[in-house]
Amino acid sequence: MQYFKCDDIGELKDYVGCKFDRAQQGKCLKMTQPVIIQSFKDEFGIQLNKNIKIPEVPGKMSMKSDVNNEMDAVGQRQY
């Protein structure tokens, strides 16, 4: 406002399809895109509150990889 002519219209709540919510005295910011999420639900037939089953327990690998995952000195994966 010091350099440009601006109007202070308060806290940012909505911008270009994104919704902004502050929590914990302004320490956290939650950004959502409800319109695009709804369009995905409509397009792909996603039902609300539907339990989705995954094939494995979260955090558990079902099989080991043959790839060597060690890093070299510059942080590149060695294969």
Protein backbone atom coordinates (compact mmCIF):
# COMPACT_ATOMS: atom_id res chain seq x y z
CA MET A 1 0.00 0.00 0.00
CA GLN A 2 3.03 2.19 0.47
CA TYR A 3 4.05 1.89 -3.19
CA PHE A 4 0.79 1.14 -5.05
CA LYS A 5 -2.80 2.28 -4.85
CA CYS A 6 -4.56 -0.65 -3.14
CA ASP A 7 -7.69 -1.31 -1.13
CA ASP A 8 -7.47 -3.43 2.01
CA ILE A 9 -10.43 -5.79 1.71
CA GLY A 10 -9.54 -8.00 4.65
CA GLU A 11 -8.25 -11.52 5.02
CA LEU A 12 -7.81 -13.65 1.89
CA LYS A 13 -10.55 -16.32 1.87
CA ASP A 14 -10.90 -17.18 -1.84
CA TYR A 15 -8.62 -16.70 -4.86
CA VAL A 16 -8.79 -18.25 -8.36
CA GLY A 17 -10.79 -21.28 -7.22
CA CYS A 18 -8.74 -21.86 -4.06
CA LYS A 19 -10.23 -21.53 -0.59
CA PHE A 20 -8.02 -20.43 2.30
CA ASP A 21 -8.73 -21.16 5.97
CA ARG A 22 -6.52 -20.07 8.87
CA ALA A 23 -6.34 -22.05 12.11
CA GLN A 24 -4.53 -21.88 15.45
CA GLN A 25 -4.35 -18.09 15.67
CA GLY A 26 -3.06 -17.75 12.11
CA LYS A 27 -0.20 -20.23 12.49
CA CYS A 28 -1.67 -22.74 10.03
CA LEU A 29 -3.10 -22.18 6.58
CA LYS A 30 -5.32 -24.72 4.85
CA MET A 31 -5.69 -24.33 1.08
CA THR A 32 -8.31 -26.37 -0.77
CA GLN A 33 -9.75 -26.49 -4.28
CA PRO A 34 -13.35 -27.63 -3.73
CA VAL A 35 -14.57 -26.89 -7.28
CA ILE A 36 -11.86 -28.97 -9.00
CA ILE A 37 -12.28 -31.77 -6.45
CA GLN A 38 -16.02 -31.83 -7.13
CA SER A 39 -15.39 -31.95 -10.88
CA PHE A 40 -13.06 -34.96 -10.39
CA LYS A 41 -15.72 -36.67 -8.28
CA ASP A 42 -18.32 -36.07 -10.97
CA GLU A 43 -16.08 -37.06 -13.89
CA PHE A 44 -14.67 -40.25 -12.35
CA GLY A 45 -17.75 -41.30 -10.36
CA ILE A 46 -16.11 -41.02 -6.94
CA GLN A 47 -18.59 -41.54 -4.12
CA LEU A 48 -18.39 -39.57 -0.90
CA ASN A 49 -17.51 -41.46 2.30
CA LYS A 50 -16.60 -44.58 0.34
CA ASN A 51 -13.89 -46.68 1.97
CA ILE A 52 -11.08 -47.38 -0.46
CA LYS A 53 -9.13 -50.58 0.10
CA ILE A 54 -5.44 -50.62 -0.66
CA PRO A 55 -3.61 -53.86 -1.44
CA GLU A 56 -1.01 -53.57 1.32
CA VAL A 57 -0.54 -52.27 4.84
CA PRO A 58 0.64 -48.62 4.74
CA GLY A 59 4.41 -48.36 5.17
CA LYS A 60 5.08 -52.01 4.26
CA MET A 61 6.75 -53.10 1.02
CA SER A 62 5.36 -56.32 -0.41
CA MET A 63 8.50 -57.13 -2.41
CA LYS A 64 12.08 -55.95 -2.47
CA SER A 65 13.53 -54.04 -5.38
CA ASP A 66 16.66 -55.10 -7.24
CA VAL A 67 17.71 -51.46 -7.55
CA ASN A 68 20.61 -50.28 -5.40
CA ASN A 69 19.24 -47.21 -3.61
CA GLU A 70 22.53 -45.96 -2.16
CA MET A 71 23.46 -42.35 -2.92
CA ASP A 72 26.82 -41.32 -4.31
CA ALA A 73 28.78 -38.27 -3.11
CA VAL A 74 26.70 -35.77 -5.16
CA GLY A 75 23.32 -37.20 -4.18
CA GLN A 76 22.61 -39.12 -7.39
CA ARG A 77 21.11 -42.57 -7.17
CA GLN A 78 23.44 -45.35 -8.21
CA TYR A 79 21.83 -48.01 -10.39
